[in-house]
Amino acid sequence: MQLHPLLVPVADLLFPPRCPLCGEGLAAQSGLCAACWSELAIPGEPSCPTCQRPLGDGMAAGTVCAPCLADPPRHDGIAAGTLYNDASRKLILALKHGHRIALAPLLARLMLAQLPEEIGPGWAVVPVPLHRWRLWRRGFNQAALLAVELARARGAELLVDGLVRRKQTPTLGGLGKAARARALSGAIALNPRREAAIRGARIVLVDDVLTSGATTSACVSALKRGGAKQVRIACFARVLDEALDLV
């Protein structure tokens, strides 16, 4: 929720604007200081047209990366606001575990900068779901907070409950591909109440961090089985350590 312009000076007086990463004083409650902005790794061009993976200089436009050639994805594109590094990790931790939900608009703005302009009215925005017990413990779904901002900014339909997580899943870090698939088997499904809205729709699937892609792949599969025409993935940070030197 944004403050009325007349209340902004009062809020700034009571709560002086500071950078959420380093605490440096700011002119307004709107972002990071210049030094912390420079620490973020923003994906650029050239990149894979299928998954947005940054490519080396000299690669021809439209070159598909080796991972997409070896295992073509079911999704229809990825838009990552940043590559996962120390700065983006701190922002995610502050949002998710520090309960600093006021950071959601800032993270969403970085995601919006990478989303194709065609995404807008006529599209639907669906967050990666949390299991109800994890949602109860945390109090919010960080992917849903980001989805709200993206849908509002682009005039898209928000389907915050488009997907449901039927069972709790363990942390997937460190698990192999087969183990991740077993852990997620049957965990994510289409919400029966949203079947009509998903069928034939163009979807933006929203998550905070894209790591191995196992969870988003399960979500994409559920949406495609439900008849979704397209599913694009939007995340704030994407784990691509090998690409950090390319940005």
Protein backbone atom coordinates (compact mmCIF):
# COMPACT_ATOMS: atom_id res chain seq x y z
CA MET A 1 0.00 0.00 0.00
CA GLN A 2 1.35 3.43 -0.95
CA LEU A 3 1.11 6.46 1.31
CA HIS A 4 -0.80 9.53 0.24
CA PRO A 5 1.75 12.07 -1.07
CA LEU A 6 0.87 14.51 1.74
CA LEU A 7 1.83 11.87 4.34
CA VAL A 8 5.23 11.01 2.84
CA PRO A 9 7.14 13.88 4.57
CA VAL A 10 5.65 12.83 7.92
CA ALA A 11 6.64 9.20 7.38
CA ASP A 12 10.16 10.25 6.36
CA LEU A 13 10.47 12.34 9.51
CA LEU A 14 9.33 9.51 11.80
CA PHE A 15 11.13 6.77 9.88
CA PRO A 16 14.12 8.28 8.02
CA PRO A 17 14.63 6.50 4.66
CA ARG A 18 17.50 4.02 4.76
CA CYS A 19 18.90 1.46 2.35
CA PRO A 20 17.46 -1.94 3.30
CA LEU A 21 20.82 -3.63 2.66
CA CYS A 22 23.42 -1.42 4.31
CA GLY A 23 21.42 1.13 6.31
CA GLU A 24 22.79 4.14 4.43
CA GLY A 25 20.52 7.20 4.51
CA LEU A 26 18.40 7.78 1.40
CA ALA A 27 16.50 10.70 -0.04
CA ALA A 28 13.28 8.67 -0.27
CA GLN A 29 11.75 5.35 0.78
CA SER A 30 12.03 3.91 -2.69
CA GLY A 31 15.03 1.64 -3.16
CA LEU A 32 18.68 0.99 -2.44
CA CYS A 33 21.67 3.28 -2.13
CA ALA A 34 23.87 3.67 -5.21
CA ALA A 35 26.54 1.34 -3.82
CA CYS A 36 24.06 -1.47 -3.13
CA TRP A 37 22.35 -1.04 -6.50
CA SER A 38 25.73 -1.68 -8.10
CA GLU A 39 26.05 -4.95 -6.16
CA LEU A 40 23.00 -6.47 -7.84
CA ALA A 41 23.67 -8.69 -10.87
CA ILE A 42 21.13 -7.76 -13.57
CA PRO A 43 20.78 -10.20 -16.49
CA GLY A 44 21.61 -8.64 -19.82
CA GLU A 45 22.13 -9.46 -23.47
CA PRO A 46 23.01 -11.60 -25.29
CA SER A 47 20.88 -14.25 -23.61
CA CYS A 48 19.13 -17.48 -24.50
CA PRO A 49 15.72 -16.67 -26.02
CA THR A 50 14.26 -19.76 -24.35
CA CYS A 51 15.38 -19.28 -20.74
CA GLN A 52 17.16 -15.86 -20.51
CA ARG A 53 20.47 -17.51 -19.50
CA PRO A 54 23.22 -14.90 -20.13
CA LEU A 55 25.59 -15.87 -22.95
CA GLY A 56 29.14 -14.80 -23.66
CA ASP A 57 30.02 -11.81 -25.79
CA GLY A 58 30.07 -12.56 -29.49
CA MET A 59 27.21 -15.07 -29.36
CA ALA A 60 24.71 -14.54 -32.16
CA ALA A 61 21.26 -13.18 -31.32
CA GLY A 62 18.76 -16.00 -30.94
CA THR A 63 21.34 -18.59 -29.87
CA VAL A 64 19.72 -21.23 -27.67
CA CYS A 65 21.85 -22.28 -24.70
CA ALA A 66 23.19 -25.83 -24.34
CA PRO A 67 20.94 -26.79 -21.37
CA CYS A 68 17.79 -25.84 -23.34
CA LEU A 69 19.02 -27.76 -26.39
CA ALA A 70 19.76 -30.84 -24.29
CA ASP A 71 16.50 -30.73 -22.32
CA PRO A 72 13.91 -28.38 -23.88
CA PRO A 73 11.83 -26.82 -21.08
CA ARG A 74 8.05 -26.96 -20.86
CA HIS A 75 7.82 -23.29 -19.90
CA ASP A 76 7.62 -20.49 -22.46
CA GLY A 77 10.36 -18.25 -21.11
CA ILE A 78 11.98 -16.98 -17.92
CA ALA A 79 12.24 -13.38 -16.70
CA ALA A 80 14.60 -12.98 -13.75
CA GLY A 81 15.02 -9.58 -12.13
CA THR A 82 18.51 -10.44 -10.88
CA LEU A 83 20.99 -13.27 -10.74
CA TYR A 84 21.35 -14.73 -7.26
CA ASN A 85 24.33 -13.26 -5.43
CA ASP A 86 25.04 -11.91 -1.95
CA ALA A 87 23.04 -8.71 -2.49
CA SER A 88 19.93 -10.43 -3.86
CA ARG A 89 20.18 -13.11 -1.18
CA LYS A 90 20.04 -10.46 1.55
CA LEU A 91 16.95 -8.89 0.01
CA ILE A 92 15.20 -12.27 -0.25
CA LEU A 93 16.07 -13.17 3.34
CA ALA A 94 14.84 -9.78 4.55
CA LEU A 95 11.53 -10.29 2.75
CA LYS A 96 10.98 -13.98 3.49
CA HIS A 97 12.44 -14.48 6.95
CA GLY A 98 12.80 -10.89 8.15
CA HIS A 99 9.11 -10.27 7.38
CA ARG A 100 9.99 -7.00 5.63
CA ILE A 101 7.07 -7.25 3.25
CA ALA A 102 7.45 -3.59 2.27
CA LEU A 103 10.36 -4.76 0.08
CA ALA A 104 7.98 -6.56 -2.28
CA PRO A 105 7.35 -3.50 -4.54
CA LEU A 106 11.11 -2.94 -4.93
CA LEU A 107 11.76 -6.57 -5.89
CA ALA A 108 8.78 -6.56 -8.23
CA ARG A 109 10.06 -3.46 -10.06
CA LEU A 110 13.25 -5.31 -10.93
CA MET A 111 11.19 -8.24 -12.19
CA LEU A 112 8.95 -5.96 -14.24
CA ALA A 113 11.98 -4.53 -16.02
CA GLN A 114 12.70 -8.01 -17.43
CA LEU A 115 9.12 -9.02 -18.30
CA PRO A 116 8.23 -8.74 -22.01
CA GLU A 117 6.01 -5.74 -22.76
CA GLU A 118 3.36 -8.02 -24.26
CA ILE A 119 2.45 -9.27 -20.79
CA GLY A 120 -0.51 -7.27 -19.56
CA PRO A 121 -4.30 -7.38 -19.89
CA GLY A 122 -5.35 -10.81 -21.09
CA TRP A 123 -2.68 -12.53 -19.00
CA ALA A 124 -3.06 -14.09 -15.56
CA VAL A 125 -0.50 -14.05 -12.75
CA VAL A 126 -0.16 -17.13 -10.52
CA PRO A 127 2.29 -17.46 -7.58
CA VAL A 128 4.11 -20.66 -6.66
CA PRO A 129 2.02 -21.94 -3.72
CA LEU A 130 3.06 -22.62 -0.15
CA HIS A 131 1.67 -25.52 1.84
CA ARG A 132 -1.01 -24.29 4.25
CA TRP A 133 1.05 -25.12 7.34
CA ARG A 134 4.08 -23.20 6.08
CA LEU A 135 1.81 -20.32 5.11
CA TRP A 136 0.31 -20.36 8.61
CA ARG A 137 3.76 -20.31 10.26
CA ARG A 138 5.19 -17.56 8.04
CA GLY A 139 2.03 -15.53 7.76
CA PHE A 140 2.39 -14.77 4.05
CA ASN A 141 3.51 -16.21 0.74
CA GLN A 142 6.36 -14.08 -0.60
CA ALA A 143 5.65 -15.23 -4.17
CA ALA A 144 2.06 -14.05 -3.77
CA LEU A 145 3.24 -10.61 -2.60
CA LEU A 146 5.34 -10.30 -5.75
CA ALA A 147 2.47 -11.59 -7.90
CA VAL A 148 0.17 -8.89 -6.54
CA GLU A 149 2.64 -6.19 -7.57
CA LEU A 150 3.20 -7.64 -11.07
CA ALA A 151 -0.52 -8.06 -11.75
CA ARG A 152 -1.31 -4.53 -10.58
CA ALA A 153 1.48 -2.97 -12.64
CA ARG A 154 0.59 -4.77 -15.87
CA GLY A 155 -3.19 -4.86 -15.55
CA ALA A 156 -3.21 -8.67 -15.55
CA GLU A 157 -5.63 -10.93 -13.70
CA LEU A 158 -4.38 -12.12 -10.31
CA LEU A 159 -5.05 -15.79 -9.51
CA VAL A 160 -3.39 -15.94 -6.12
CA ASP A 161 -4.88 -19.39 -5.47
CA GLY A 162 -4.52 -20.77 -8.98
CA LEU A 163 -2.27 -23.56 -7.70
CA VAL A 164 -2.34 -25.48 -4.42
CA ARG A 165 0.39 -27.41 -2.62
CA ARG A 166 -1.17 -30.65 -1.45
CA LYS A 167 1.69 -31.84 0.73
CA GLN A 168 4.72 -30.40 2.46
CA THR A 169 7.99 -30.99 0.67
CA PRO A 170 11.50 -31.13 2.13
CA THR A 171 14.22 -28.66 1.24
CA LEU A 172 15.32 -29.60 -2.26
CA GLY A 173 18.87 -28.28 -1.98
CA GLY A 174 21.43 -31.05 -2.30
CA LEU A 175 18.98 -33.51 -3.84
CA GLY A 176 19.58 -35.00 -7.27
CA LYS A 177 17.14 -34.59 -10.15
CA ALA A 178 15.39 -37.91 -9.49
CA ALA A 179 15.11 -37.22 -5.74
CA ARG A 180 13.64 -33.77 -6.37
CA ALA A 181 11.08 -35.27 -8.73
CA ARG A 182 10.07 -37.85 -6.12
CA ALA A 183 9.73 -35.18 -3.42
CA LEU A 184 7.47 -33.06 -5.63
CA SER A 185 5.41 -35.91 -7.07
CA GLY A 186 1.76 -35.06 -6.49
CA ALA A 187 2.66 -32.05 -4.34
CA ILE A 188 1.39 -29.27 -6.63
CA ALA A 189 -1.94 -29.25 -8.43
CA LEU A 190 -4.40 -26.94 -10.09
CA ASN A 191 -7.01 -25.44 -7.77
CA PRO A 192 -10.31 -26.99 -8.98
CA ARG A 193 -12.06 -23.65 -8.40
CA ARG A 194 -9.70 -22.00 -10.93
CA GLU A 195 -9.88 -24.57 -13.72
CA ALA A 196 -12.03 -22.37 -15.96
CA ALA A 197 -9.72 -19.38 -15.49
CA ILE A 198 -6.58 -21.42 -16.27
CA ARG A 199 -7.91 -23.22 -19.35
CA GLY A 200 -6.62 -21.46 -22.45
CA ALA A 201 -4.94 -18.71 -20.41
CA ARG A 202 -1.54 -17.12 -20.80
CA ILE A 203 0.10 -17.37 -17.39
CA VAL A 204 2.97 -15.67 -15.56
CA LEU A 205 4.16 -18.04 -12.83
CA VAL A 206 5.82 -16.05 -10.03
CA ASP A 207 8.46 -17.14 -7.51
CA ASP A 208 11.04 -15.34 -5.42
CA VAL A 209 14.09 -17.50 -6.22
CA LEU A 210 14.58 -19.95 -9.09
CA THR A 211 17.20 -22.53 -8.11
CA SER A 212 17.13 -25.96 -9.74
CA GLY A 213 13.78 -25.24 -11.36
CA ALA A 214 12.20 -28.39 -9.94
CA THR A 215 9.38 -26.59 -8.13
CA THR A 216 8.56 -24.26 -11.00
CA SER A 217 8.66 -27.21 -13.41
CA ALA A 218 6.06 -28.99 -11.28
CA CYS A 219 3.94 -25.84 -11.35
CA VAL A 220 4.31 -25.45 -15.12
CA SER A 221 3.29 -29.07 -15.62
CA ALA A 222 0.19 -28.61 -13.47
CA LEU A 223 -0.79 -25.46 -15.38
CA LYS A 224 -0.20 -27.02 -18.77
CA ARG A 225 -2.22 -30.10 -17.79
CA GLY A 226 -4.98 -27.68 -16.84
CA GLY A 227 -4.98 -26.29 -20.36
CA ALA A 228 -2.84 -23.15 -19.97
CA LYS A 229 -1.82 -21.86 -23.41
CA GLN A 230 1.48 -20.33 -22.28
CA VAL A 231 3.39 -20.30 -19.00
CA ARG A 232 6.19 -17.81 -18.49
CA ILE A 233 8.21 -17.79 -15.27
CA ALA A 234 9.03 -14.56 -13.43
CA CYS A 235 11.37 -14.56 -10.43
CA PHE A 236 13.34 -11.99 -8.49
CA ALA A 237 16.59 -13.97 -8.34
CA ARG A 238 17.85 -16.88 -10.41
CA VAL A 239 20.69 -19.13 -9.33
CA LEU A 240 23.16 -19.25 -12.23
CA ASP A 241 26.60 -19.07 -10.63
CA GLU A 242 28.36 -19.73 -13.93
CA ALA A 243 26.71 -16.64 -15.46
CA LEU A 244 27.68 -14.12 -12.80
CA ASP A 245 30.92 -13.29 -14.61
CA LEU A 246 28.94 -12.50 -17.77
CA VAL A 247 26.95 -9.58 -16.30
